[in-house]
C-alpha atoms as a PDB file:
ATOM      1  CA  UNK A   1      20.671  17.665 -33.712  1.00  0.00           C
ATOM      2  CA  UNK A   2      19.083  20.129 -32.411  1.00  0.00           C
ATOM      3  CA  UNK A   3      21.204  21.233 -28.696  1.00  0.00           C
ATOM      4  CA  UNK A   4      17.355  22.068 -27.490  1.00  0.00           C
ATOM      5  CA  UNK A   5      16.912  18.560 -27.007  1.00  0.00           C
ATOM      6  CA  UNK A   6      20.154  17.502 -25.961  1.00  0.00           C
ATOM      7  CA  UNK A   7      20.112  17.958 -22.587  1.00  0.00           C
ATOM      8  CA  UNK A   8      17.534  16.823 -19.539  1.00  0.00           C
ATOM      9  CA  UNK A   9      14.040  18.952 -19.054  1.00  0.00           C
ATOM     10  CA  UNK A  10      10.705  18.449 -18.601  1.00  0.00           C
ATOM     11  CA  UNK A  11       7.037  19.517 -20.126  1.00  0.00           C
ATOM     12  CA  UNK A  12       3.712  19.579 -18.190  1.00  0.00           C
ATOM     13  CA  UNK A  13       1.057  18.718 -20.024  1.00  0.00           C
ATOM     14  CA  UNK A  14      -2.437  19.802 -18.899  1.00  0.00           C
ATOM     15  CA  UNK A  15      -6.118  18.508 -19.691  1.00  0.00           C
ATOM     16  CA  UNK A  16      -8.037  20.963 -18.415  1.00  0.00           C
ATOM     17  CA  UNK A  17     -11.660  20.416 -16.717  1.00  0.00           C
ATOM     18  CA  UNK A  18     -14.152  22.097 -14.342  1.00  0.00           C
ATOM     19  CA  UNK A  19     -14.184  19.208 -12.324  1.00  0.00           C
ATOM     20  CA  UNK A  20     -11.321  16.944 -12.346  1.00  0.00           C
ATOM     21  CA  UNK A  21      -8.242  18.807 -13.981  1.00  0.00           C
ATOM     22  CA  UNK A  22      -5.655  16.053 -15.379  1.00  0.00           C
ATOM     23  CA  UNK A  23      -1.889  16.716 -15.653  1.00  0.00           C
ATOM     24  CA  UNK A  24       1.671  14.799 -16.504  1.00  0.00           C
ATOM     25  CA  UNK A  25       4.774  15.859 -16.084  1.00  0.00           C
ATOM     26  CA  UNK A  26       6.869  14.050 -18.764  1.00  0.00           C
ATOM     27  CA  UNK A  27      11.212  14.337 -18.215  1.00  0.00           C
ATOM     28  CA  UNK A  28      12.917  14.260 -21.543  1.00  0.00           C
ATOM     29  CA  UNK A  29      16.691  13.285 -22.108  1.00  0.00           C
ATOM     30  CA  UNK A  30      17.843  13.215 -25.658  1.00  0.00           C
ATOM     31  CA  UNK A  31      15.132  10.559 -26.951  1.00  0.00           C
ATOM     32  CA  UNK A  32      14.363   9.134 -23.191  1.00  0.00           C
ATOM     33  CA  UNK A  33      11.312   9.836 -22.058  1.00  0.00           C
ATOM     34  CA  UNK A  34       9.899   9.441 -18.544  1.00  0.00           C
ATOM     35  CA  UNK A  35       6.951  10.039 -16.690  1.00  0.00           C
ATOM     36  CA  UNK A  36       7.664  12.130 -13.085  1.00  0.00           C
ATOM     37  CA  UNK A  37       4.282  12.250 -12.302  1.00  0.00           C
ATOM     38  CA  UNK A  38       0.501  12.291 -13.481  1.00  0.00           C
ATOM     39  CA  UNK A  39      -2.343  12.376 -11.905  1.00  0.00           C
ATOM     40  CA  UNK A  40      -5.640  15.353 -11.132  1.00  0.00           C
ATOM     41  CA  UNK A  41      -6.285  18.064  -9.612  1.00  0.00           C
ATOM     42  CA  UNK A  42     -10.131  17.581  -8.475  1.00  0.00           C
ATOM     43  CA  UNK A  43     -12.640  20.411  -8.353  1.00  0.00           C
ATOM     44  CA  UNK A  44     -15.820  18.627  -8.017  1.00  0.00           C
ATOM     45  CA  UNK A  45     -16.513  19.611  -4.205  1.00  0.00           C
ATOM     46  CA  UNK A  46     -15.780  23.356  -4.438  1.00  0.00           C
ATOM     47  CA  UNK A  47     -18.780  25.033  -5.823  1.00  0.00           C
ATOM     48  CA  UNK A  48     -17.496  28.060  -5.842  1.00  0.00           C
ATOM     49  CA  UNK A  49     -16.848  29.119  -9.734  1.00  0.00           C
ATOM     50  CA  UNK A  50     -14.354  31.829  -8.846  1.00  0.00           C
ATOM     51  CA  UNK A  51     -12.860  29.664  -5.899  1.00  0.00           C
ATOM     52  CA  UNK A  52     -12.525  26.910  -8.187  1.00  0.00           C
ATOM     53  CA  UNK A  53     -10.698  29.215 -10.646  1.00  0.00           C
ATOM     54  CA  UNK A  54      -8.452  30.441  -7.936  1.00  0.00           C
ATOM     55  CA  UNK A  55      -7.537  26.807  -7.052  1.00  0.00           C
ATOM     56  CA  UNK A  56      -6.817  26.048 -10.031  1.00  0.00           C
ATOM     57  CA  UNK A  57      -4.331  29.125 -10.809  1.00  0.00           C
ATOM     58  CA  UNK A  58      -2.782  27.849  -7.500  1.00  0.00           C
ATOM     59  CA  UNK A  59      -2.125  24.181  -7.977  1.00  0.00           C
ATOM     60  CA  UNK A  60      -0.874  24.413 -11.543  1.00  0.00           C
ATOM     61  CA  UNK A  61       1.560  27.250  -9.845  1.00  0.00           C
ATOM     62  CA  UNK A  62       2.717  24.966  -7.503  1.00  0.00           C
ATOM     63  CA  UNK A  63       2.872  22.006 -10.009  1.00  0.00           C
ATOM     64  CA  UNK A  64       5.326  24.289 -11.940  1.00  0.00           C
ATOM     65  CA  UNK A  65       7.169  25.088  -8.844  1.00  0.00           C
ATOM     66  CA  UNK A  66       7.982  21.635  -7.026  1.00  0.00           C
ATOM     67  CA  UNK A  67       8.657  19.716 -10.918  1.00  0.00           C
ATOM     68  CA  UNK A  68      10.145  22.776 -13.091  1.00  0.00           C
ATOM     69  CA  UNK A  69       8.572  22.142 -16.463  1.00  0.00           C
ATOM     70  CA  UNK A  70      10.473  24.127 -18.975  1.00  0.00           C
ATOM     71  CA  UNK A  71       7.245  24.333 -21.002  1.00  0.00           C
ATOM     72  CA  UNK A  72       3.637  23.741 -20.405  1.00  0.00           C
ATOM     73  CA  UNK A  73       1.452  22.496 -22.957  1.00  0.00           C
ATOM     74  CA  UNK A  74      -2.794  22.265 -22.713  1.00  0.00           C
ATOM     75  CA  UNK A  75      -5.423  20.767 -24.687  1.00  0.00           C
ATOM     76  CA  UNK A  76      -7.026  23.594 -26.441  1.00  0.00           C
ATOM     77  CA  UNK A  77     -10.788  24.627 -26.657  1.00  0.00           C
ATOM     78  CA  UNK A  78     -13.768  22.384 -28.034  1.00  0.00           C
ATOM     79  CA  UNK A  79     -16.948  23.649 -29.975  1.00  0.00           C
ATOM     80  CA  UNK A  80     -19.767  22.050 -28.355  1.00  0.00           C
ATOM     81  CA  UNK A  81     -23.314  22.625 -28.376  1.00  0.00           C
ATOM     82  CA  UNK A  82     -23.528  23.534 -24.617  1.00  0.00           C
ATOM     83  CA  UNK A  83     -22.598  27.350 -24.439  1.00  0.00           C
ATOM     84  CA  UNK A  84     -22.466  27.103 -20.596  1.00  0.00           C
ATOM     85  CA  UNK A  85     -19.926  24.442 -20.299  1.00  0.00           C
ATOM     86  CA  UNK A  86     -17.464  26.171 -23.404  1.00  0.00           C
ATOM     87  CA  UNK A  87     -17.293  28.724 -21.349  1.00  0.00           C
ATOM     88  CA  UNK A  88     -16.556  27.137 -17.722  1.00  0.00           C
ATOM     89  CA  UNK A  89     -14.768  24.781 -19.871  1.00  0.00           C
ATOM     90  CA  UNK A  90     -12.499  28.274 -21.377  1.00  0.00           C
ATOM     91  CA  UNK A  91     -12.537  29.754 -18.201  1.00  0.00           C
ATOM     92  CA  UNK A  92     -10.643  26.874 -16.254  1.00  0.00           C
ATOM     93  CA  UNK A  93      -7.889  27.001 -18.983  1.00  0.00           C
ATOM     94  CA  UNK A  94      -7.482  30.370 -19.192  1.00  0.00           C
ATOM     95  CA  UNK A  95      -6.579  30.132 -15.369  1.00  0.00           C
ATOM     96  CA  UNK A  96      -4.382  27.529 -16.127  1.00  0.00           C
ATOM     97  CA  UNK A  97      -2.422  28.902 -19.153  1.00  0.00           C
ATOM     98  CA  UNK A  98      -2.486  32.509 -16.919  1.00  0.00           C
ATOM     99  CA  UNK A  99      -0.891  30.684 -14.082  1.00  0.00           C
ATOM    100  CA  UNK A 100       1.919  29.259 -16.233  1.00  0.00           C
ATOM    101  CA  UNK A 101       2.793  32.510 -18.040  1.00  0.00           C
ATOM    102  CA  UNK A 102       2.774  34.383 -14.058  1.00  0.00           C
ATOM    103  CA  UNK A 103       5.580  32.049 -13.476  1.00  0.00           C
ATOM    104  CA  UNK A 104       7.167  32.519 -16.899  1.00  0.00           C
ATOM    105  CA  UNK A 105       6.827  29.125 -18.927  1.00  0.00           C
ATOM    106  CA  UNK A 106       5.815  29.134 -22.225  1.00  0.00           C
ATOM    107  CA  UNK A 107       2.809  28.080 -23.726  1.00  0.00           C
ATOM    108  CA  UNK A 108       1.479  25.552 -26.258  1.00  0.00           C
ATOM    109  CA  UNK A 109      -1.550  24.828 -27.196  1.00  0.00           C
ATOM    110  CA  UNK A 110      -2.942  21.260 -29.048  1.00  0.00           C
ATOM    111  CA  UNK A 111      -6.638  20.665 -30.457  1.00  0.00           C
ATOM    112  CA  UNK A 112      -8.283  17.379 -28.926  1.00  0.00           C
ATOM    113  CA  UNK A 113      -8.616  15.526 -32.300  1.00  0.00           C
ATOM    114  CA  UNK A 114      -4.630  16.571 -33.175  1.00  0.00           C
ATOM    115  CA  UNK A 115      -3.683  14.950 -29.026  1.00  0.00           C
ATOM    116  CA  UNK A 116      -5.555  11.828 -30.131  1.00  0.00           C
ATOM    117  CA  UNK A 117      -4.405  11.456 -33.564  1.00  0.00           C
ATOM    118  CA  UNK A 118      -0.827  11.695 -31.900  1.00  0.00           C
ATOM    119  CA  UNK A 119      -0.817   9.057 -28.751  1.00  0.00           C
ATOM    120  CA  UNK A 120      -3.156   6.752 -30.369  1.00  0.00           C
ATOM    121  CA  UNK A 121      -3.080   6.884 -34.651  1.00  0.00           C
ATOM    122  CA  UNK A 122      -6.592   8.643 -35.119  1.00  0.00           C
ATOM    123  CA  UNK A 123      -8.331  11.141 -33.601  1.00  0.00           C
ATOM    124  CA  UNK A 124     -11.501   9.372 -32.494  1.00  0.00           C
ATOM    125  CA  UNK A 125      -9.304   7.567 -30.063  1.00  0.00           C
ATOM    126  CA  UNK A 126     -11.118   6.885 -27.066  1.00  0.00           C
ATOM    127  CA  UNK A 127      -9.780   8.007 -23.112  1.00  0.00           C
ATOM    128  CA  UNK A 128      -9.098   4.494 -23.011  1.00  0.00           C
ATOM    129  CA  UNK A 129      -7.372   3.765 -26.280  1.00  0.00           C
ATOM    130  CA  UNK A 130      -5.373   6.841 -25.019  1.00  0.00           C
ATOM    131  CA  UNK A 131      -4.489   5.921 -21.531  1.00  0.00           C
ATOM    132  CA  UNK A 132      -2.595   2.346 -22.831  1.00  0.00           C
ATOM    133  CA  UNK A 133      -0.680   3.830 -25.238  1.00  0.00           C
ATOM    134  CA  UNK A 134       0.609   6.482 -22.794  1.00  0.00           C
ATOM    135  CA  UNK A 135       0.973   3.946 -20.272  1.00  0.00           C
ATOM    136  CA  UNK A 136       2.803   1.932 -22.820  1.00  0.00           C
ATOM    137  CA  UNK A 137       5.292   4.175 -24.100  1.00  0.00           C
ATOM    138  CA  UNK A 138       6.067   5.505 -20.500  1.00  0.00           C
ATOM    139  CA  UNK A 139       6.434   2.038 -19.546  1.00  0.00           C
ATOM    140  CA  UNK A 140       3.977   2.780 -16.055  1.00  0.00           C
ATOM    141  CA  UNK A 141       2.195   0.248 -14.450  1.00  0.00           C
ATOM    142  CA  UNK A 142      -0.241   1.365 -11.859  1.00  0.00           C
ATOM    143  CA  UNK A 143      -3.303   2.849 -13.868  1.00  0.00           C
ATOM    144  CA  UNK A 144      -3.952   6.066 -12.467  1.00  0.00           C
ATOM    145  CA  UNK A 145      -7.546   6.598 -10.548  1.00  0.00           C
ATOM    146  CA  UNK A 146      -8.948   8.883 -13.100  1.00  0.00           C
ATOM    147  CA  UNK A 147      -7.866   8.642 -16.936  1.00  0.00           C
ATOM    148  CA  UNK A 148      -7.740  12.594 -17.143  1.00  0.00           C
ATOM    149  CA  UNK A 149      -4.461  11.453 -15.772  1.00  0.00           C
ATOM    150  CA  UNK A 150      -3.552   9.952 -18.397  1.00  0.00           C
ATOM    151  CA  UNK A 151      -5.127  12.717 -21.140  1.00  0.00           C
ATOM    152  CA  UNK A 152      -2.562  15.057 -19.330  1.00  0.00           C
ATOM    153  CA  UNK A 153       0.586  13.011 -19.905  1.00  0.00           C
ATOM    154  CA  UNK A 154      -0.835  12.756 -23.278  1.00  0.00           C
ATOM    155  CA  UNK A 155      -1.050  16.186 -23.841  1.00  0.00           C
ATOM    156  CA  UNK A 156       2.968  16.697 -22.975  1.00  0.00           C
ATOM    157  CA  UNK A 157       4.047  13.592 -25.167  1.00  0.00           C
ATOM    158  CA  UNK A 158       1.856  15.807 -28.284  1.00  0.00           C
ATOM    159  CA  UNK A 159       3.593  18.447 -27.833  1.00  0.00           C
ATOM    160  CA  UNK A 160       7.168  16.772 -27.221  1.00  0.00           C
ATOM    161  CA  UNK A 161       6.805  14.884 -30.512  1.00  0.00           C
ATOM    162  CA  UNK A 162       5.418  18.511 -31.840  1.00  0.00           C
ATOM    163  CA  UNK A 163       8.742  20.098 -31.005  1.00  0.00           C
ATOM    164  CA  UNK A 164      11.118  16.790 -31.850  1.00  0.00           C
ATOM    165  CA  UNK A 165       9.752  16.633 -35.321  1.00  0.00           C
ATOM    166  CA  UNK A 166      13.234  16.853 -37.984  1.00  0.00           C
ATOM    167  CA  UNK A 167      10.536  19.256 -40.149  1.00  0.00           C
ATOM    168  CA  UNK A 168       9.020  21.341 -37.483  1.00  0.00           C
ATOM    169  CA  UNK A 169      12.932  22.166 -35.643  1.00  0.00           C
ATOM    170  CA  UNK A 170      13.867  23.083 -39.125  1.00  0.00           C
ATOM    171  CA  UNK A 171      10.873  25.255 -39.147  1.00  0.00           C
ATOM    172  CA  UNK A 172      11.626  27.071 -36.035  1.00  0.00           C
ATOM    173  CA  UNK A 173       9.689  30.101 -35.501  1.00  0.00           C
ATOM    174  CA  UNK A 174       7.547  29.058 -37.759  1.00  0.00           C
ATOM    175  CA  UNK A 175       6.493  25.709 -36.204  1.00  0.00           C
ATOM    176  CA  UNK A 176       2.772  25.444 -36.248  1.00  0.00           C
ATOM    177  CA  UNK A 177       1.259  25.198 -32.969  1.00  0.00           C
ATOM    178  CA  UNK A 178      -1.964  23.994 -31.931  1.00  0.00           C
ATOM    179  CA  UNK A 179      -5.698  23.829 -33.226  1.00  0.00           C
ATOM    180  CA  UNK A 180      -4.099  20.242 -35.155  1.00  0.00           C
ATOM    181  CA  UNK A 181      -1.050  22.460 -36.086  1.00  0.00           C
ATOM    182  CA  UNK A 182      -2.149  22.728 -39.994  1.00  0.00           C
ATOM    183  CA  UNK A 183      -2.113  25.528 -42.898  1.00  0.00           C
ATOM    184  CA  UNK A 184      -5.446  27.047 -41.116  1.00  0.00           C
ATOM    185  CA  UNK A 185      -3.784  27.247 -38.229  1.00  0.00           C
ATOM    186  CA  UNK A 186      -0.552  28.939 -39.410  1.00  0.00           C
ATOM    187  CA  UNK A 187      -3.012  31.491 -40.502  1.00  0.00           C
ATOM    188  CA  UNK A 188      -4.799  32.132 -37.480  1.00  0.00           C
ATOM    189  CA  UNK A 189      -1.422  32.659 -35.362  1.00  0.00           C
ATOM    190  CA  UNK A 190      -2.071  29.721 -33.258  1.00  0.00           C
ATOM    191  CA  UNK A 191       1.719  30.294 -31.927  1.00  0.00           C
ATOM    192  CA  UNK A 192       2.657  30.034 -28.400  1.00  0.00           C
ATOM    193  CA  UNK A 193       0.689  32.465 -25.807  1.00  0.00           C
ATOM    194  CA  UNK A 194       4.004  33.339 -24.975  1.00  0.00           C
ATOM    195  CA  UNK A 195       4.778  35.106 -28.181  1.00  0.00           C
ATOM    196  CA  UNK A 196       1.327  36.806 -28.129  1.00  0.00           C
ATOM    197  CA  UNK A 197       2.035  38.145 -24.741  1.00  0.00           C
ATOM    198  CA  UNK A 198       5.667  39.587 -25.888  1.00  0.00           C
ATOM    199  CA  UNK A 199       4.099  40.917 -29.566  1.00  0.00           C
ATOM    200  CA  UNK A 200       1.146  42.670 -27.889  1.00  0.00           C
ATOM    201  CA  UNK A 201       2.030  43.569 -24.408  1.00  0.00           C
ATOM    202  CA  UNK A 202      -0.297  46.997 -24.831  1.00  0.00           C
ATOM    203  CA  UNK A 203      -3.430  44.564 -24.777  1.00  0.00           C
ATOM    204  CA  UNK A 204      -2.415  42.687 -21.809  1.00  0.00           C
ATOM    205  CA  UNK A 205      -3.576  44.343 -18.800  1.00  0.00           C
ATOM    206  CA  UNK A 206      -1.174  43.847 -15.732  1.00  0.00           C
END
């Protein structure tokens, strides 16, 4: 058995957003999963876009410092028709990643459809369906105020399922992460962002 999963560790899952950013901290002990905390970062009252990005950075850093996750998993960018919305969301995602990397956490990305498939068994599952499965799986009795919170926990669960798979464990560093985890993703080099930074130090500005 992989020694990685013989100890207690935590995963921070983040569902990036520009009005509400959902998050969940999953604790893993062997095959036992526990919900440590889930909630949302409220951004909708912050008008200045740069103040909003700073707030995201600070809050993600605070979550990491408080709950000490070993890994951080995020929902990867999606492609939509509204270019401005995509740009704003991409910035929010990037700042959350930067916050995790600044605290020396390894970062992973998963496509929205892969997260839904992993949790609810269907890539087009609704937020309500995902929330229901997350709550049953982790025995969460009180429904969160917003489903962004269960979306964040779903990202953490998706990462756990992907990283604990015997097939992925056998692949080791070749394990495919992000963009649905298929062969195309592997060809595109979608491994962890920490690996990217380590292998491309000359391209990362201080």
